[in-house]
Amino acid sequence: MVETLIYDTYLRMIKNSVGTKLFRNLYLEINKERIDATRNGKFSCAYFVSAILLMSGLIKEMHATVDKTVKDMEKFGWKRRRIAKVKPGDIIAWERMMAEDKKLHSHIGFYIGNKKAISNSWQKRIPAVHSWNYNGKRKIIAIYHWPKFK
């Protein structure tokens, strides 16, 4: 019997994403106009997270926004958990912050253990490893866990 090890594959996919340009562009058509919703990787965090989740069969579709990603996760069965119970593979949502476009932006990424996370870097425009709370500079507002991952 062969069994796909979803959790192990999911974690490796997250870790292997660091530095890739794969999640840099998500094109949408709005009123017959083609746009890059992620602005060449500047705002790719939701696309990055939702693409990994979709490839792993853990949500229904890809998203360009954190709010839509979280709604899909919740509909699919992801549960909030206390920060003290965070495990590798859990999803972290950070507080909204003002970006250089003078708008508040949410942020989302993956917890990978040892108080480290991987999320899209707006400066580098690629997924990068960083402190789970940006060295105390960004508040974690929610942690989400897939209940089938023990």
C-alpha atoms as a PDB file:
ATOM      1  CA  MET A   1       0.000   0.000   0.000  1.00  0.00           C
ATOM      2  CA  VAL A   2       1.252   3.484  -0.896  1.00  0.00           C
ATOM      3  CA  GLU A   3       0.166   6.517   1.105  1.00  0.00           C
ATOM      4  CA  THR A   4       0.980  10.128   0.280  1.00  0.00           C
ATOM      5  CA  LEU A   5       2.397  11.848   3.355  1.00  0.00           C
ATOM      6  CA  ILE A   6       0.545  15.138   2.960  1.00  0.00           C
ATOM      7  CA  TYR A   7       1.971  16.869   6.049  1.00  0.00           C
ATOM      8  CA  ASP A   8       5.600  16.000   5.245  1.00  0.00           C
ATOM      9  CA  THR A   9       5.165  16.996   1.590  1.00  0.00           C
ATOM     10  CA  TYR A  10       3.374  20.232   2.581  1.00  0.00           C
ATOM     11  CA  LEU A  11       6.187  21.260   4.982  1.00  0.00           C
ATOM     12  CA  ARG A  12       8.871  20.505   2.405  1.00  0.00           C
ATOM     13  CA  MET A  13       6.980  22.479  -0.258  1.00  0.00           C
ATOM     14  CA  ILE A  14       6.864  25.486   2.095  1.00  0.00           C
ATOM     15  CA  LYS A  15      10.578  25.276   2.904  1.00  0.00           C
ATOM     16  CA  ASN A  16      11.554  24.680  -0.740  1.00  0.00           C
ATOM     17  CA  SER A  17       9.653  27.815  -1.792  1.00  0.00           C
ATOM     18  CA  VAL A  18      12.208  30.172  -0.225  1.00  0.00           C
ATOM     19  CA  GLY A  19      13.785  32.342  -2.906  1.00  0.00           C
ATOM     20  CA  THR A  20      11.551  31.222  -5.771  1.00  0.00           C
ATOM     21  CA  LYS A  21       9.964  33.685  -8.188  1.00  0.00           C
ATOM     22  CA  LEU A  22       7.123  31.223  -8.802  1.00  0.00           C
ATOM     23  CA  PHE A  23       4.588  33.224  -6.752  1.00  0.00           C
ATOM     24  CA  ARG A  24       5.520  36.656  -8.078  1.00  0.00           C
ATOM     25  CA  ASN A  25       2.641  37.279 -10.505  1.00  0.00           C
ATOM     26  CA  LEU A  26      -1.085  36.598 -10.305  1.00  0.00           C
ATOM     27  CA  TYR A  27      -2.974  38.026 -13.261  1.00  0.00           C
ATOM     28  CA  LEU A  28      -6.639  38.989 -13.061  1.00  0.00           C
ATOM     29  CA  GLU A  29      -9.014  40.448 -15.588  1.00  0.00           C
ATOM     30  CA  ILE A  30     -11.154  43.243 -14.173  1.00  0.00           C
ATOM     31  CA  ASN A  31     -13.596  44.986 -16.517  1.00  0.00           C
ATOM     32  CA  LYS A  32     -11.689  43.578 -19.518  1.00  0.00           C
ATOM     33  CA  GLU A  33      -8.413  45.004 -18.180  1.00  0.00           C
ATOM     34  CA  ARG A  34      -5.542  42.609 -17.362  1.00  0.00           C
ATOM     35  CA  ILE A  35      -3.735  43.435 -14.114  1.00  0.00           C
ATOM     36  CA  ASP A  36      -1.010  41.833 -12.016  1.00  0.00           C
ATOM     37  CA  ALA A  37      -2.800  41.689  -8.655  1.00  0.00           C
ATOM     38  CA  THR A  38       0.472  41.006  -6.841  1.00  0.00           C
ATOM     39  CA  ARG A  39       2.374  43.918  -8.425  1.00  0.00           C
ATOM     40  CA  ASN A  40       5.292  41.748  -9.500  1.00  0.00           C
ATOM     41  CA  GLY A  41       5.650  40.127  -6.089  1.00  0.00           C
ATOM     42  CA  LYS A  42       5.204  43.162  -3.886  1.00  0.00           C
ATOM     43  CA  PHE A  43       1.845  41.923  -2.535  1.00  0.00           C
ATOM     44  CA  SER A  44       2.150  38.161  -3.079  1.00  0.00           C
ATOM     45  CA  CYS A  45       1.676  36.783   0.437  1.00  0.00           C
ATOM     46  CA  ALA A  46      -1.923  35.576  -0.035  1.00  0.00           C
ATOM     47  CA  TYR A  47      -1.151  34.168  -3.468  1.00  0.00           C
ATOM     48  CA  PHE A  48       1.887  32.324  -2.073  1.00  0.00           C
ATOM     49  CA  VAL A  49      -0.002  30.837   0.894  1.00  0.00           C
ATOM     50  CA  SER A  50      -3.175  29.992  -1.035  1.00  0.00           C
ATOM     51  CA  ALA A  51      -1.210  28.366  -3.893  1.00  0.00           C
ATOM     52  CA  ILE A  52       0.649  26.057  -1.478  1.00  0.00           C
ATOM     53  CA  LEU A  53      -2.605  25.238   0.329  1.00  0.00           C
ATOM     54  CA  LEU A  54      -4.413  24.557  -2.961  1.00  0.00           C
ATOM     55  CA  MET A  55      -1.591  22.324  -4.242  1.00  0.00           C
ATOM     56  CA  SER A  56      -1.814  20.402  -0.957  1.00  0.00           C
ATOM     57  CA  GLY A  57      -5.602  20.027  -1.212  1.00  0.00           C
ATOM     58  CA  LEU A  58      -6.169  22.181   1.888  1.00  0.00           C
ATOM     59  CA  ILE A  59      -8.400  24.925   0.386  1.00  0.00           C
ATOM     60  CA  LYS A  60     -10.676  25.278  -2.647  1.00  0.00           C
ATOM     61  CA  GLU A  61      -9.005  28.007  -4.741  1.00  0.00           C
ATOM     62  CA  MET A  62      -6.140  30.492  -5.093  1.00  0.00           C
ATOM     63  CA  HIS A  63      -6.545  34.031  -3.749  1.00  0.00           C
ATOM     64  CA  ALA A  64      -5.024  37.481  -4.146  1.00  0.00           C
ATOM     65  CA  THR A  65      -6.068  38.737  -0.685  1.00  0.00           C
ATOM     66  CA  VAL A  66      -5.473  37.625   2.879  1.00  0.00           C
ATOM     67  CA  ASP A  67      -9.158  38.025   3.796  1.00  0.00           C
ATOM     68  CA  LYS A  68     -10.314  35.702   1.003  1.00  0.00           C
ATOM     69  CA  THR A  69      -7.574  33.194   1.822  1.00  0.00           C
ATOM     70  CA  VAL A  70      -8.627  33.091   5.486  1.00  0.00           C
ATOM     71  CA  LYS A  71     -12.331  32.760   4.586  1.00  0.00           C
ATOM     72  CA  ASP A  72     -11.532  29.816   2.295  1.00  0.00           C
ATOM     73  CA  MET A  73      -9.389  28.219   5.015  1.00  0.00           C
ATOM     74  CA  GLU A  74     -12.167  28.572   7.584  1.00  0.00           C
ATOM     75  CA  LYS A  75     -14.775  27.097   5.195  1.00  0.00           C
ATOM     76  CA  PHE A  76     -12.404  24.220   4.488  1.00  0.00           C
ATOM     77  CA  GLY A  77     -12.030  23.435   8.207  1.00  0.00           C
ATOM     78  CA  TRP A  78      -8.902  25.288   9.354  1.00  0.00           C
ATOM     79  CA  LYS A  79      -9.201  26.224  13.049  1.00  0.00           C
ATOM     80  CA  ARG A  80      -7.728  29.059  15.065  1.00  0.00           C
ATOM     81  CA  ARG A  81      -5.405  28.051  17.855  1.00  0.00           C
ATOM     82  CA  ARG A  82      -3.544  29.746  20.659  1.00  0.00           C
ATOM     83  CA  ILE A  83      -0.055  30.990  19.902  1.00  0.00           C
ATOM     84  CA  ALA A  84       1.337  28.697  22.628  1.00  0.00           C
ATOM     85  CA  LYS A  85       0.205  25.684  20.550  1.00  0.00           C
ATOM     86  CA  VAL A  86       1.727  26.780  17.205  1.00  0.00           C
ATOM     87  CA  LYS A  87       3.241  23.965  15.144  1.00  0.00           C
ATOM     88  CA  PRO A  88       5.208  23.875  11.879  1.00  0.00           C
ATOM     89  CA  GLY A  89       2.817  24.234   8.954  1.00  0.00           C
ATOM     90  CA  ASP A  90       0.365  26.444  10.836  1.00  0.00           C
ATOM     91  CA  ILE A  91      -0.644  29.673   9.120  1.00  0.00           C
ATOM     92  CA  ILE A  92       0.196  33.005  10.764  1.00  0.00           C
ATOM     93  CA  ALA A  93      -1.809  36.161  10.113  1.00  0.00           C
ATOM     94  CA  TRP A  94      -0.113  39.395  11.136  1.00  0.00           C
ATOM     95  CA  GLU A  95      -1.604  42.792  11.918  1.00  0.00           C
ATOM     96  CA  ARG A  96      -2.329  45.247   9.130  1.00  0.00           C
ATOM     97  CA  MET A  97       0.452  47.708   8.459  1.00  0.00           C
ATOM     98  CA  MET A  98       0.853  50.791   6.300  1.00  0.00           C
ATOM     99  CA  ALA A  99       2.767  50.052   3.094  1.00  0.00           C
ATOM    100  CA  GLU A 100       4.553  52.480   0.813  1.00  0.00           C
ATOM    101  CA  ASP A 101       1.327  52.853  -1.205  1.00  0.00           C
ATOM    102  CA  LYS A 102      -0.137  54.516   1.944  1.00  0.00           C
ATOM    103  CA  LYS A 103      -2.705  51.705   2.390  1.00  0.00           C
ATOM    104  CA  LEU A 104      -3.102  49.238   5.234  1.00  0.00           C
ATOM    105  CA  HIS A 105      -2.152  45.713   4.180  1.00  0.00           C
ATOM    106  CA  SER A 106      -2.677  42.380   5.937  1.00  0.00           C
ATOM    107  CA  HIS A 107       0.041  39.754   5.836  1.00  0.00           C
ATOM    108  CA  ILE A 108       0.015  35.949   5.973  1.00  0.00           C
ATOM    109  CA  GLY A 109       2.627  33.201   5.988  1.00  0.00           C
ATOM    110  CA  PHE A 110       3.677  29.804   7.311  1.00  0.00           C
ATOM    111  CA  TYR A 111       5.153  28.949  10.704  1.00  0.00           C
ATOM    112  CA  ILE A 112       8.134  26.594  10.239  1.00  0.00           C
ATOM    113  CA  GLY A 113       9.321  26.095  13.842  1.00  0.00           C
ATOM    114  CA  ASN A 114      11.857  27.655  16.197  1.00  0.00           C
ATOM    115  CA  LYS A 115      10.017  31.001  16.118  1.00  0.00           C
ATOM    116  CA  LYS A 116      10.634  31.280  12.354  1.00  0.00           C
ATOM    117  CA  ALA A 117       8.187  31.851   9.522  1.00  0.00           C
ATOM    118  CA  ILE A 118       8.213  31.926   5.736  1.00  0.00           C
ATOM    119  CA  SER A 119       6.187  34.572   3.962  1.00  0.00           C
ATOM    120  CA  ASN A 120       6.486  36.706   0.880  1.00  0.00           C
ATOM    121  CA  SER A 121       8.937  39.571   1.376  1.00  0.00           C
ATOM    122  CA  TRP A 122       7.572  42.755  -0.199  1.00  0.00           C
ATOM    123  CA  GLN A 123      11.126  44.110  -0.448  1.00  0.00           C
ATOM    124  CA  LYS A 124      12.664  41.020  -2.103  1.00  0.00           C
ATOM    125  CA  ARG A 125       9.382  40.028  -3.819  1.00  0.00           C
ATOM    126  CA  ILE A 126       9.979  36.355  -3.039  1.00  0.00           C
ATOM    127  CA  PRO A 127       9.215  33.997  -0.131  1.00  0.00           C
ATOM    128  CA  ALA A 128      11.802  34.431   2.631  1.00  0.00           C
ATOM    129  CA  VAL A 129      12.537  33.089   6.124  1.00  0.00           C
ATOM    130  CA  HIS A 130      12.193  35.556   9.008  1.00  0.00           C
ATOM    131  CA  SER A 131      11.375  35.812  12.704  1.00  0.00           C
ATOM    132  CA  TRP A 132       7.759  34.810  13.336  1.00  0.00           C
ATOM    133  CA  ASN A 133       6.991  38.272  14.755  1.00  0.00           C
ATOM    134  CA  TYR A 134       9.485  40.245  12.666  1.00  0.00           C
ATOM    135  CA  ASN A 135      11.732  40.633  15.724  1.00  0.00           C
ATOM    136  CA  GLY A 136       8.880  42.122  17.739  1.00  0.00           C
ATOM    137  CA  LYS A 137       7.920  44.637  15.045  1.00  0.00           C
ATOM    138  CA  ARG A 138       4.710  42.980  13.822  1.00  0.00           C
ATOM    139  CA  LYS A 139       1.946  41.554  15.997  1.00  0.00           C
ATOM    140  CA  ILE A 140       0.572  38.082  15.278  1.00  0.00           C
ATOM    141  CA  ILE A 141      -3.229  38.363  15.227  1.00  0.00           C
ATOM    142  CA  ALA A 142      -4.148  34.743  14.443  1.00  0.00           C
ATOM    143  CA  ILE A 143      -2.730  31.266  14.063  1.00  0.00           C
ATOM    144  CA  TYR A 144      -4.607  28.692  11.961  1.00  0.00           C
ATOM    145  CA  HIS A 145      -4.152  24.912  12.164  1.00  0.00           C
ATOM    146  CA  TRP A 146      -5.367  22.121   9.899  1.00  0.00           C
ATOM    147  CA  PRO A 147      -6.987  19.663  12.368  1.00  0.00           C
ATOM    148  CA  LYS A 148      -5.910  16.565  10.432  1.00  0.00           C
ATOM    149  CA  PHE A 149      -2.264  17.520  11.021  1.00  0.00           C
ATOM    150  CA  LYS A 150      -1.567  16.163  14.485  1.00  0.00           C
END
